[in-house]
Amino acid sequence: MINYTADWSLMTPEIVLAAFALLIFTIDFMTGVKGKKPFTGHLSIIALLTAAVLTAVSNGTGTGGIGDMFLVDPMSTVVKIMILLGAALVIGITMYYVDRHDDIYQGELYSLMLFAVIGAMIMVSSADLITLFIGLELLSISAYCMTGFRRYRKQSSEAAVKYIVLGGTASAFILYGMSFLYGLTGTTSLTVIGEGIGDLFAAYPFLVMMSLLFILGGFAFKMSVVPFHMWAPDVYEGAPTPVTAFLSAISKVAAFAIVLRVFFTGFGGIYEEWAFLIGVLAALTMLAGSLIALPQRNVKRLMAYSGIAQAGFLLVPLAAVTTADLAISVFMFYAAAYMLMTLGAFAVITIVTEAADSEDVSGFTGLYYRSPFLAFSMSAFLISLAGLPISAGFIGKAWIFFHTVSAGMIWLAVVMVLATVISFFYYFRIIQRLFVRSVDTSAAEAEVAAAREPGAPVAVSPGMTVVLAVTLAGTVGLGIIPFLLTNWFTTLQWLSF
C-alpha cells in the first residue's frame, strides 16, 4: 500500500467548481427560478474555464494523491481538462437552446451540469472503489435530472424514467461486482487489488471473473456499448439537445477513462483473461451501431447510434494493448477528436432542429443555401466522424488501426475498416442533403418544409459561432498537425500506479 498523504490542494479545481455551482444555484434561487438568465450561463463558462486553468497549473503532468482514494496523474489531468473545456462548449450550446425554451429553468440546468462535471472529475481521479462510485453517482444523478428537464414534454419525461431505471440497474451491477472484489481482498483500493489480482485469480478464478463481468457490464451501460446500448437512442431523442451533447461527449469520455483505470490498475495482472472479451464487445458495438444507424431519420437517434459505433472505436485501444501508456495515448487522441467533432455536430444540430422545429434529417436539406458556414461546418464534423482525411477523426482512427495491427488483433482491425465503410452511408446521406435544393415530397419532409420559411437564412448567435469556430478549428487542426498532441501524449507516463 502507498503511504498515506492528504494533499487537499490537489482537489482545488473540484472545490472551486463546486463553489461556483453552489453560487449559481443560490443566485438562481434568490432571483426566482423562472425567466431568462444569461448571466448564469456566462458564470458557468467562467467557472469551467477557471477550473481548467487550475487543473493545468496546479496538477500539471505530475503525480500525487490523497491516500489511495484520489489520484492526480497525467491521465486524470488530461481527461479533466478535456471534460472542462468540452462542458464549456456544451454550456455555449445550452445558452442558445434555453433562450428559445421558456419552460427550462436556466440556473438549475447550469448548476446541474457543473455538478455532473464535478462527478466526472472525481471519477477519473478515483483509485478507490468507493470514491469511484461517489463520482459515478454524482454524474449519473445529475444526468438523470437534466434528461427530464423539459418535464412538460412527454418524450423528455419518458427518457428520464427509462434512464433512471436502467442507469440504476447498471449501478447495481457495478456495486455487485465491487462487492466480490472487496469480499476477496478486504480492500477497496484499486492499487492494492491490482497488486494481488494475479494470485487472486489463480485461487478464485470464477469469483474474480464474476466480479470483472459485473463491473464491465455496468460500465458498458454507461458507455453505451453493445449489448447494453438500448437506452441510448430513446434517451438521446427525449433529452434536450444540449443534454444529449453532454451525454454523448462528456459523460461517455469520463466513463471510458475510468474503465481504463479500473482495468489497467485493478485487473491489469490478468489482461489475457479480458482482452479478447473487450475486443469482441468493441467489434459488436462498431458493427451494430453502424448498421442500425443506416435507416434512422431522426437526427438525434442517428447520432445516438453513431455514438454507439464510436464507442466501439474508443474501446479498441483497451483490447489491443502493446503497452498501457501507448494504448492510453491512442485512446486520448481519439477521445479528444471525438469530443470536438461530436460537440460541433450537436451545435449545428441544435441550430437546425430549432430553426426547422423538427428533428428529422430533412431539416438539413438545402442548408448550404441558407447558411454556407453551417453546411461546411457540419460537413467537416461528419467527415471527421466518418474517419476521412483531413480531419482529427481520420488521424485518430488510423492510429487506432495501426496500433491494433501492431498488437496482433488483425480481425479487430478488419472490423474497424468494415464499420468505417458502413458509416459512410449515413454520414454522407446528411452531407448530400446539405447541398441539394430539392425537398422530397414525403409526408414527414413536407411537414418539416412547411415549418420553416423556404430559403430563409438560419441565424447563428455569436455564442454558437464561437462554439463552432473552436470545434471546427480543433477538428481540422488536429487533422493537419496531429503531432501537437501525439508527440506530447507518447512522452507521458499516464498512470501513477
Protein backbone atom coordinates (compact mmCIF):
# COMPACT_ATOMS: atom_id res chain seq x y z
CA MET A 1 0.00 0.00 0.00
CA ILE A 2 1.23 3.51 -0.73
CA ASN A 3 1.97 5.84 2.16
CA TYR A 4 -0.99 7.94 3.22
CA THR A 5 -0.78 11.59 2.29
CA ALA A 6 -3.52 14.18 2.26
CA ASP A 7 -2.56 17.00 -0.06
CA TRP A 8 -6.01 18.52 -0.32
CA SER A 9 -4.71 21.21 -2.71
CA LEU A 10 -4.93 18.53 -5.39
CA MET A 11 -8.71 18.92 -5.22
CA THR A 12 -8.60 22.70 -5.75
CA PRO A 13 -10.27 22.57 -9.21
CA GLU A 14 -13.12 20.41 -7.90
CA ILE A 15 -13.60 22.61 -4.82
CA VAL A 16 -13.62 25.82 -6.86
CA LEU A 17 -16.07 24.35 -9.36
CA ALA A 18 -18.34 23.16 -6.52
CA ALA A 19 -18.28 26.68 -5.05
CA PHE A 20 -19.32 28.14 -8.42
CA ALA A 21 -22.09 25.53 -8.80
CA LEU A 22 -23.50 26.38 -5.36
CA LEU A 23 -23.19 30.11 -6.10
CA ILE A 24 -25.14 29.74 -9.35
CA PHE A 25 -27.77 27.63 -7.60
CA THR A 26 -28.09 30.23 -4.82
CA ILE A 27 -28.32 33.17 -7.22
CA ASP A 28 -30.93 31.29 -9.22
CA PHE A 29 -32.95 30.55 -6.06
CA MET A 30 -32.78 34.16 -4.84
CA THR A 31 -33.79 35.67 -8.19
CA GLY A 32 -36.63 33.24 -8.88
CA VAL A 33 -36.23 30.08 -10.88
CA LYS A 34 -38.14 31.32 -13.94
CA GLY A 35 -37.07 33.78 -16.62
CA LYS A 36 -34.07 34.28 -18.85
CA LYS A 37 -30.76 34.46 -17.01
CA PRO A 38 -27.90 34.55 -19.50
CA PHE A 39 -25.52 35.67 -16.73
CA THR A 40 -25.79 32.22 -15.11
CA GLY A 41 -24.57 30.70 -18.37
CA HIS A 42 -21.66 33.14 -18.58
CA LEU A 43 -20.80 32.44 -14.93
CA SER A 44 -20.85 28.69 -15.65
CA ILE A 45 -18.41 29.10 -18.53
CA ILE A 46 -16.12 31.23 -16.33
CA ALA A 47 -16.29 28.52 -13.65
CA LEU A 48 -15.35 25.76 -16.09
CA LEU A 49 -12.51 27.70 -17.67
CA THR A 50 -11.19 28.68 -14.22
CA ALA A 51 -11.25 25.04 -13.13
CA ALA A 52 -9.47 24.04 -16.36
CA VAL A 53 -6.70 26.57 -15.76
CA LEU A 54 -6.37 25.46 -12.13
CA THR A 55 -6.17 21.83 -13.23
CA ALA A 56 -3.43 22.60 -15.75
CA VAL A 57 -1.45 24.85 -13.38
CA SER A 58 -1.81 23.02 -10.07
CA ASN A 59 -1.77 19.44 -11.32
CA GLY A 60 0.35 19.67 -14.48
CA THR A 61 1.79 16.32 -15.51
CA GLY A 62 2.96 15.49 -12.01
CA THR A 63 1.55 12.84 -9.73
CA GLY A 64 0.14 12.91 -6.23
CA GLY A 65 -2.76 11.67 -4.23
CA ILE A 66 -4.93 11.77 -1.18
CA GLY A 67 -4.26 8.34 0.22
CA ASP A 68 -5.33 5.56 -2.10
CA MET A 69 -8.58 7.32 -2.87
CA PHE A 70 -7.95 10.39 -5.05
CA LEU A 71 -5.10 10.37 -7.54
CA VAL A 72 -3.67 13.08 -9.72
CA ASP A 73 -1.58 11.84 -12.63
CA PRO A 74 -1.24 12.76 -16.32
CA MET A 75 -4.28 10.69 -17.24
CA SER A 76 -6.59 12.37 -14.74
CA THR A 77 -5.24 15.84 -15.59
CA VAL A 78 -5.66 15.50 -19.36
CA VAL A 79 -9.13 13.95 -19.11
CA LYS A 80 -10.27 16.62 -16.65
CA ILE A 81 -9.12 19.42 -18.94
CA MET A 82 -10.91 17.75 -21.86
CA ILE A 83 -14.08 17.41 -19.78
CA LEU A 84 -13.96 21.00 -18.52
CA LEU A 85 -13.36 22.55 -21.94
CA GLY A 86 -15.95 20.26 -23.51
CA ALA A 87 -18.51 21.20 -20.84
CA ALA A 88 -17.83 24.90 -21.51
CA LEU A 89 -18.73 24.27 -25.16
CA VAL A 90 -21.88 22.44 -24.07
CA ILE A 91 -22.86 25.44 -21.93
CA GLY A 92 -22.44 27.60 -25.04
CA ILE A 93 -24.85 25.31 -26.92
CA THR A 94 -27.20 25.30 -23.93
CA MET A 95 -27.39 29.11 -23.81
CA TYR A 96 -28.60 29.12 -27.41
CA TYR A 97 -31.14 26.38 -26.67
CA VAL A 98 -32.63 27.74 -23.42
CA ASP A 99 -33.09 31.15 -24.99
CA ARG A 100 -35.76 29.52 -27.17
CA HIS A 101 -37.48 27.46 -24.47
CA ASP A 102 -39.17 29.28 -21.62
CA ASP A 103 -40.06 26.02 -19.84
CA ILE A 104 -36.42 25.40 -18.83
CA TYR A 105 -35.16 26.76 -15.52
CA GLN A 106 -31.77 28.01 -16.64
CA GLY A 107 -29.94 28.37 -13.32
CA GLU A 108 -30.90 24.86 -12.22
CA LEU A 109 -29.76 23.36 -15.53
CA TYR A 110 -26.36 25.08 -15.42
CA SER A 111 -25.71 24.14 -11.79
CA LEU A 112 -26.69 20.53 -12.52
CA MET A 113 -24.21 20.47 -15.42
CA LEU A 114 -21.47 21.74 -13.14
CA PHE A 115 -22.27 19.10 -10.52
CA ALA A 116 -22.19 16.45 -13.26
CA VAL A 117 -18.75 17.69 -14.31
CA ILE A 118 -17.55 17.53 -10.68
CA GLY A 119 -18.74 13.92 -10.53
CA ALA A 120 -16.84 13.14 -13.73
CA MET A 121 -13.68 14.79 -12.36
CA ILE A 122 -13.87 12.82 -9.10
CA MET A 123 -14.47 9.64 -11.06
CA VAL A 124 -11.42 9.96 -13.32
CA SER A 125 -9.18 10.65 -10.30
CA SER A 126 -10.50 7.68 -8.34
CA ALA A 127 -8.21 4.86 -7.34
CA ASP A 128 -10.66 3.56 -4.79
CA LEU A 129 -13.94 1.79 -5.46
CA ILE A 130 -15.88 3.96 -3.02
CA THR A 131 -14.58 7.26 -4.42
CA LEU A 132 -15.23 5.95 -7.91
CA PHE A 133 -18.84 5.12 -7.07
CA ILE A 134 -19.46 8.51 -5.43
CA GLY A 135 -18.19 10.31 -8.55
CA LEU A 136 -20.16 7.99 -10.81
CA GLU A 137 -23.44 8.57 -8.96
CA LEU A 138 -22.94 12.34 -8.76
CA LEU A 139 -22.52 12.35 -12.53
CA SER A 140 -25.38 9.90 -13.13
CA ILE A 141 -27.97 11.55 -10.85
CA SER A 142 -27.27 14.97 -12.37
CA ALA A 143 -27.62 13.43 -15.85
CA TYR A 144 -30.95 11.81 -14.94
CA CYS A 145 -32.31 15.20 -13.79
CA MET A 146 -31.04 17.01 -16.90
CA THR A 147 -32.59 14.40 -19.22
CA GLY A 148 -36.07 15.09 -17.85
CA PHE A 149 -35.61 18.83 -17.63
CA ARG A 150 -38.39 19.59 -20.13
CA ARG A 151 -40.91 17.98 -17.81
CA TYR A 152 -43.96 19.14 -19.81
CA ARG A 153 -42.67 17.25 -22.85
CA LYS A 154 -43.73 13.60 -22.80
CA GLN A 155 -40.61 12.32 -24.57
CA SER A 156 -38.34 14.04 -22.07
CA SER A 157 -40.14 12.54 -19.06
CA GLU A 158 -40.14 9.07 -20.62
CA ALA A 159 -36.44 9.34 -21.41
CA ALA A 160 -35.67 10.37 -17.83
CA VAL A 161 -37.66 7.48 -16.36
CA LYS A 162 -36.01 4.98 -18.69
CA TYR A 163 -32.58 6.42 -17.94
CA ILE A 164 -33.12 6.30 -14.16
CA VAL A 165 -34.38 2.70 -14.16
CA LEU A 166 -31.71 1.30 -16.48
CA GLY A 167 -28.96 3.53 -15.06
CA GLY A 168 -29.81 2.40 -11.54
CA THR A 169 -29.65 -1.21 -12.66
CA ALA A 170 -26.22 -0.61 -14.20
CA SER A 171 -25.01 0.98 -10.96
CA ALA A 172 -26.26 -2.09 -9.08
CA PHE A 173 -24.25 -4.30 -11.45
CA ILE A 174 -21.11 -2.26 -10.73
CA LEU A 175 -21.70 -2.40 -6.97
CA TYR A 176 -22.28 -6.15 -7.10
CA GLY A 177 -19.01 -6.66 -8.97
CA MET A 178 -17.21 -4.42 -6.48
CA SER A 179 -18.63 -6.42 -3.57
CA PHE A 180 -16.95 -9.57 -4.94
CA LEU A 181 -13.61 -7.76 -5.07
CA TYR A 182 -14.00 -6.40 -1.56
CA GLY A 183 -15.03 -9.79 -0.24
CA LEU A 184 -11.96 -11.45 -1.77
CA THR A 185 -9.39 -8.79 -0.85
CA GLY A 186 -10.81 -6.90 2.13
CA THR A 187 -9.92 -3.59 0.49
CA THR A 188 -11.49 -1.09 -1.86
CA SER A 189 -8.15 0.27 -3.11
CA LEU A 190 -7.65 -0.43 -6.81
CA THR A 191 -3.89 -0.27 -6.32
CA VAL A 192 -3.90 -2.98 -3.66
CA ILE A 193 -6.37 -5.08 -5.64
CA GLY A 194 -4.16 -4.77 -8.72
CA GLU A 195 -1.07 -5.91 -6.80
CA GLY A 196 -2.68 -9.19 -5.85
CA ILE A 197 -5.09 -9.82 -8.72
CA GLY A 198 -2.85 -12.48 -10.34
CA ASP A 199 -2.68 -14.66 -7.21
CA LEU A 200 -6.33 -13.99 -6.51
CA PHE A 201 -7.33 -15.19 -9.97
CA ALA A 202 -5.22 -18.32 -9.56
CA ALA A 203 -7.04 -19.12 -6.31
CA TYR A 204 -10.58 -17.95 -7.17
CA PRO A 205 -10.90 -17.70 -10.97
CA PHE A 206 -14.69 -17.94 -11.02
CA LEU A 207 -15.28 -15.21 -8.43
CA VAL A 208 -12.74 -12.85 -9.99
CA MET A 209 -14.31 -13.28 -13.43
CA MET A 210 -17.78 -12.74 -11.95
CA SER A 211 -16.55 -9.50 -10.44
CA LEU A 212 -14.95 -8.40 -13.69
CA LEU A 213 -18.03 -9.22 -15.76
CA PHE A 214 -20.44 -7.38 -13.46
CA ILE A 215 -18.22 -4.28 -13.37
CA LEU A 216 -17.74 -4.42 -17.13
CA GLY A 217 -21.47 -4.86 -17.70
CA GLY A 218 -22.31 -1.85 -15.54
CA PHE A 219 -19.78 0.39 -17.22
CA ALA A 220 -20.77 -0.92 -20.65
CA PHE A 221 -24.17 0.63 -20.00
CA LYS A 222 -22.61 3.97 -19.10
CA MET A 223 -20.51 3.82 -22.29
CA SER A 224 -23.50 2.63 -24.41
CA VAL A 225 -21.60 -0.44 -25.54
CA VAL A 226 -23.47 -3.34 -27.19
CA PRO A 227 -25.44 -5.23 -25.83
CA PHE A 228 -26.08 -2.58 -23.13
CA HIS A 229 -26.85 0.21 -25.59
CA MET A 230 -30.63 0.09 -25.99
CA TRP A 231 -31.25 3.03 -23.66
CA ALA A 232 -29.16 5.47 -25.68
CA PRO A 233 -31.43 6.22 -28.71
CA ASP A 234 -34.54 6.85 -26.60
CA VAL A 235 -32.70 8.93 -24.00
CA TYR A 236 -30.79 10.92 -26.62
CA GLU A 237 -34.01 11.62 -28.53
CA GLY A 238 -36.04 12.61 -25.46
CA ALA A 239 -33.45 14.75 -23.69
CA PRO A 240 -32.97 18.44 -24.52
CA THR A 241 -30.43 18.61 -27.38
CA PRO A 242 -27.58 20.20 -25.31
CA VAL A 243 -28.06 17.49 -22.67
CA THR A 244 -27.79 14.91 -25.45
CA ALA A 245 -24.49 16.54 -26.45
CA PHE A 246 -23.32 16.35 -22.83
CA LEU A 247 -24.23 12.66 -22.53
CA SER A 248 -22.72 11.81 -25.90
CA ALA A 249 -19.37 13.55 -25.30
CA ILE A 250 -18.60 14.44 -21.67
CA SER A 251 -20.28 11.58 -19.83
CA LYS A 252 -19.04 8.97 -22.30
CA VAL A 253 -15.39 10.08 -22.25
CA ALA A 254 -15.42 10.13 -18.43
CA ALA A 255 -16.84 6.60 -18.34
CA PHE A 256 -14.18 5.34 -20.76
CA ALA A 257 -11.40 6.97 -18.74
CA ILE A 258 -12.41 5.29 -15.50
CA VAL A 259 -12.75 1.94 -17.28
CA LEU A 260 -9.16 2.33 -18.50
CA ARG A 261 -8.02 3.00 -14.93
CA VAL A 262 -10.04 0.15 -13.39
CA PHE A 263 -8.91 -2.41 -15.94
CA PHE A 264 -5.25 -1.36 -16.23
CA THR A 265 -4.77 -0.75 -12.48
CA GLY A 266 -7.17 -3.24 -10.91
CA PHE A 267 -7.29 -6.06 -13.47
CA GLY A 268 -4.05 -5.40 -15.36
CA GLY A 269 -2.47 -8.57 -13.94
CA ILE A 270 -4.98 -10.77 -15.75
CA TYR A 271 -5.02 -8.87 -19.04
CA GLU A 272 -5.10 -12.07 -21.12
CA GLU A 273 -8.38 -13.05 -19.47
CA TRP A 274 -10.34 -9.96 -20.56
CA ALA A 275 -8.60 -8.54 -23.64
CA PHE A 276 -10.40 -10.81 -26.11
CA LEU A 277 -13.74 -10.17 -24.40
CA ILE A 278 -13.25 -6.40 -24.73
CA GLY A 279 -12.27 -6.92 -28.38
CA VAL A 280 -15.50 -8.83 -29.08
CA LEU A 281 -17.58 -6.11 -27.38
CA ALA A 282 -15.77 -3.45 -29.43
CA ALA A 283 -16.42 -5.32 -32.68
CA LEU A 284 -20.11 -5.89 -31.91
CA THR A 285 -20.51 -2.25 -30.87
CA MET A 286 -18.90 -0.87 -34.04
CA LEU A 287 -20.96 -3.11 -36.35
CA ALA A 288 -24.30 -2.86 -34.54
CA GLY A 289 -24.08 0.93 -34.12
CA SER A 290 -23.16 1.46 -37.77
CA LEU A 291 -25.79 -0.92 -39.18
CA ILE A 292 -28.70 0.31 -37.05
CA ALA A 293 -27.82 3.95 -37.81
CA LEU A 294 -28.46 3.36 -41.54
CA PRO A 295 -32.29 3.59 -41.57
CA GLN A 296 -32.60 6.33 -38.91
CA ARG A 297 -34.44 9.50 -39.92
CA ASN A 298 -34.43 11.30 -36.58
CA VAL A 299 -31.07 13.06 -36.44
CA LYS A 300 -30.69 12.64 -32.66
CA ARG A 301 -31.36 8.91 -32.89
CA LEU A 302 -28.92 8.73 -35.80
CA MET A 303 -26.28 10.47 -33.67
CA ALA A 304 -27.09 8.08 -30.81
CA TYR A 305 -26.29 5.06 -32.98
CA SER A 306 -23.30 6.90 -34.41
CA GLY A 307 -22.15 7.44 -30.82
CA ILE A 308 -22.60 3.73 -30.12
CA ALA A 309 -20.40 2.89 -33.11
CA GLN A 310 -17.82 5.46 -31.98
CA ALA A 311 -17.85 3.85 -28.51
CA GLY A 312 -16.64 0.68 -30.21
CA PHE A 313 -13.69 2.55 -31.70
CA LEU A 314 -12.88 4.06 -28.29
CA LEU A 315 -12.96 0.57 -26.78
CA VAL A 316 -10.45 -0.90 -29.24
CA PRO A 317 -7.28 0.51 -27.55
CA LEU A 318 -8.32 -1.23 -24.34
CA ALA A 319 -8.46 -4.57 -26.13
CA ALA A 320 -5.36 -4.17 -28.32
CA VAL A 321 -2.57 -3.31 -25.91
CA THR A 322 1.10 -3.24 -26.78
CA THR A 323 1.96 -1.13 -23.74
CA ALA A 324 -0.50 0.52 -21.37
CA ASP A 325 0.96 4.00 -21.97
CA LEU A 326 0.73 3.68 -25.76
CA ALA A 327 -2.82 2.28 -25.57
CA ILE A 328 -3.89 5.21 -23.40
CA SER A 329 -2.16 7.68 -25.75
CA VAL A 330 -4.12 6.26 -28.68
CA PHE A 331 -7.34 6.44 -26.69
CA MET A 332 -6.68 10.01 -25.52
CA PHE A 333 -6.14 11.35 -29.02
CA TYR A 334 -9.31 9.80 -30.38
CA ALA A 335 -11.26 10.87 -27.29
CA ALA A 336 -10.17 14.49 -27.87
CA ALA A 337 -11.09 14.24 -31.55
CA TYR A 338 -14.40 12.54 -30.74
CA MET A 339 -15.33 15.26 -28.26
CA LEU A 340 -14.56 18.08 -30.70
CA MET A 341 -16.38 16.63 -33.71
CA THR A 342 -19.37 15.42 -31.66
CA LEU A 343 -19.91 18.73 -29.88
CA GLY A 344 -19.50 20.61 -33.16
CA ALA A 345 -22.05 18.35 -34.85
CA PHE A 346 -24.50 18.81 -31.96
CA ALA A 347 -24.06 22.59 -32.15
CA VAL A 348 -25.18 22.52 -35.80
CA ILE A 349 -27.96 20.04 -35.00
CA THR A 350 -29.25 22.33 -32.25
CA ILE A 351 -29.38 25.32 -34.61
CA VAL A 352 -31.00 23.39 -37.48
CA THR A 353 -33.57 21.48 -35.41
CA GLU A 354 -34.60 24.66 -33.59
CA ALA A 355 -34.97 26.53 -36.90
CA ALA A 356 -36.95 23.71 -38.54
CA ASP A 357 -38.85 22.79 -35.36
CA SER A 358 -38.19 19.18 -36.27
CA GLU A 359 -35.53 16.57 -35.62
CA ASP A 360 -35.98 14.87 -38.98
CA VAL A 361 -32.86 14.71 -41.18
CA SER A 362 -34.84 16.50 -43.89
CA GLY A 363 -34.33 19.68 -41.85
CA PHE A 364 -30.77 19.71 -43.23
CA THR A 365 -31.93 19.81 -46.86
CA GLY A 366 -30.50 22.83 -48.65
CA LEU A 367 -28.73 24.15 -45.55
CA TYR A 368 -25.89 25.39 -47.76
CA TYR A 369 -28.25 27.89 -49.42
CA ARG A 370 -29.45 29.18 -46.03
CA SER A 371 -26.13 29.14 -44.18
CA PRO A 372 -22.94 28.08 -46.00
CA PHE A 373 -20.97 28.33 -42.75
CA LEU A 374 -23.22 25.79 -41.02
CA ALA A 375 -23.23 23.49 -44.04
CA PHE A 376 -19.43 23.43 -44.38
CA SER A 377 -19.01 23.07 -40.60
CA MET A 378 -21.41 20.12 -40.45
CA SER A 379 -19.66 18.54 -43.43
CA ALA A 380 -16.30 18.81 -41.66
CA PHE A 381 -17.66 17.24 -38.46
CA LEU A 382 -19.35 14.37 -40.32
CA ILE A 383 -16.27 13.74 -42.47
CA SER A 384 -14.24 13.55 -39.27
CA LEU A 385 -16.75 11.19 -37.64
CA ALA A 386 -16.57 9.03 -40.76
CA GLY A 387 -12.78 8.97 -40.48
CA LEU A 388 -11.75 10.62 -43.74
CA PRO A 389 -8.75 12.93 -44.35
CA ILE A 390 -8.09 15.77 -43.48
CA SER A 391 -9.62 15.52 -40.05
CA ALA A 392 -8.89 14.60 -36.44
CA GLY A 393 -11.18 11.58 -36.79
CA PHE A 394 -9.05 10.20 -39.62
CA ILE A 395 -5.81 10.53 -37.64
CA GLY A 396 -7.45 9.01 -34.57
CA LYS A 397 -8.89 6.02 -36.41
CA ALA A 398 -5.66 5.49 -38.35
CA TRP A 399 -3.66 5.46 -35.13
CA ILE A 400 -6.10 3.00 -33.53
CA PHE A 401 -5.93 0.82 -36.67
CA PHE A 402 -2.11 0.63 -36.77
CA HIS A 403 -1.99 0.12 -33.00
CA THR A 404 -4.46 -2.77 -33.30
CA VAL A 405 -2.43 -4.37 -36.11
CA SER A 406 0.75 -3.98 -34.03
CA ALA A 407 -0.97 -5.74 -31.13
CA GLY A 408 -1.72 -8.70 -33.43
CA MET A 409 -5.52 -8.30 -33.43
CA ILE A 410 -5.90 -8.27 -37.22
CA TRP A 411 -9.52 -9.41 -37.11
CA LEU A 412 -10.45 -6.40 -34.97
CA ALA A 413 -8.67 -4.04 -37.39
CA VAL A 414 -10.70 -5.57 -40.25
CA VAL A 415 -13.93 -4.99 -38.33
CA MET A 416 -12.86 -1.37 -37.81
CA VAL A 417 -12.47 -0.88 -41.56
CA LEU A 418 -15.82 -2.56 -42.26
CA ALA A 419 -17.66 -0.42 -39.69
CA THR A 420 -15.99 2.70 -41.09
CA VAL A 421 -17.15 1.88 -44.62
CA ILE A 422 -20.73 1.29 -43.42
CA SER A 423 -20.71 4.61 -41.57
CA PHE A 424 -20.01 6.46 -44.84
CA PHE A 425 -23.59 5.78 -45.96
CA TYR A 426 -25.38 7.54 -43.11
CA TYR A 427 -22.88 10.36 -42.68
CA PHE A 428 -22.83 11.15 -46.38
CA ARG A 429 -26.62 10.94 -46.58
CA ILE A 430 -26.70 14.06 -44.39
CA ILE A 431 -23.84 15.75 -46.27
CA GLN A 432 -25.63 15.16 -49.56
CA ARG A 433 -28.76 16.81 -48.18
CA LEU A 434 -26.80 19.88 -47.11
CA PHE A 435 -26.03 20.84 -50.71
CA VAL A 436 -29.22 19.96 -52.60
CA ARG A 437 -32.10 22.36 -53.19
CA SER A 438 -34.94 19.93 -53.79
CA VAL A 439 -37.06 18.74 -50.93
CA ASP A 440 -38.55 15.27 -51.09
CA THR A 441 -42.31 15.12 -51.03
CA SER A 442 -42.78 12.53 -48.33
CA ALA A 443 -45.26 13.50 -45.64
CA ALA A 444 -42.67 13.90 -42.90
CA GLU A 445 -40.44 16.09 -45.03
CA ALA A 446 -43.33 18.17 -46.28
CA GLU A 447 -44.23 18.86 -42.65
CA VAL A 448 -40.70 19.99 -41.92
CA ALA A 449 -40.57 22.13 -45.04
CA ALA A 450 -43.81 23.81 -44.02
CA ALA A 451 -42.42 24.55 -40.56
CA ARG A 452 -39.64 26.71 -41.90
CA GLU A 453 -39.52 29.58 -44.30
CA PRO A 454 -38.21 28.33 -47.66
CA GLY A 455 -34.90 29.96 -48.37
CA ALA A 456 -34.83 31.79 -45.05
CA PRO A 457 -31.30 32.16 -43.66
CA VAL A 458 -30.51 30.30 -40.47
CA ALA A 459 -29.45 32.67 -37.70
CA VAL A 460 -26.33 31.79 -35.75
CA SER A 461 -25.77 33.58 -32.44
CA PRO A 462 -22.30 34.93 -31.51
CA GLY A 463 -22.01 32.28 -28.78
CA MET A 464 -22.74 29.45 -31.19
CA THR A 465 -20.30 30.95 -33.69
CA VAL A 466 -17.58 30.69 -31.04
CA VAL A 467 -18.54 27.07 -30.27
CA LEU A 468 -18.46 26.17 -33.96
CA ALA A 469 -15.19 28.02 -34.57
CA VAL A 470 -13.44 26.23 -31.67
CA THR A 471 -14.68 22.77 -32.56
CA LEU A 472 -14.06 23.29 -36.28
CA ALA A 473 -10.52 24.57 -35.66
CA GLY A 474 -9.81 21.58 -33.41
CA THR A 475 -11.34 19.04 -35.79
CA VAL A 476 -9.47 20.29 -38.84
CA GLY A 477 -6.35 21.44 -36.97
CA LEU A 478 -5.70 18.05 -35.39
CA GLY A 479 -6.13 16.51 -38.83
CA ILE A 480 -3.41 18.73 -40.30
CA ILE A 481 -0.97 18.96 -37.38
CA PRO A 482 -1.78 15.95 -35.17
CA PHE A 483 1.77 15.79 -33.82
CA LEU A 484 0.91 18.66 -31.47
CA LEU A 485 -0.89 16.10 -29.35
CA THR A 486 0.57 12.78 -30.46
CA ASN A 487 4.18 13.74 -29.71
CA TRP A 488 3.20 15.03 -26.27
CA PHE A 489 0.94 12.10 -25.42
CA THR A 490 3.59 9.50 -26.26
CA THR A 491 6.02 11.09 -23.78
CA LEU A 492 3.63 10.78 -20.85
CA GLN A 493 3.53 8.05 -18.24
CA TRP A 494 -0.23 8.13 -17.88
CA LEU A 495 -0.90 6.12 -14.75
CA SER A 496 0.88 6.80 -11.47
CA PHE A 497 0.23 3.21 -10.30
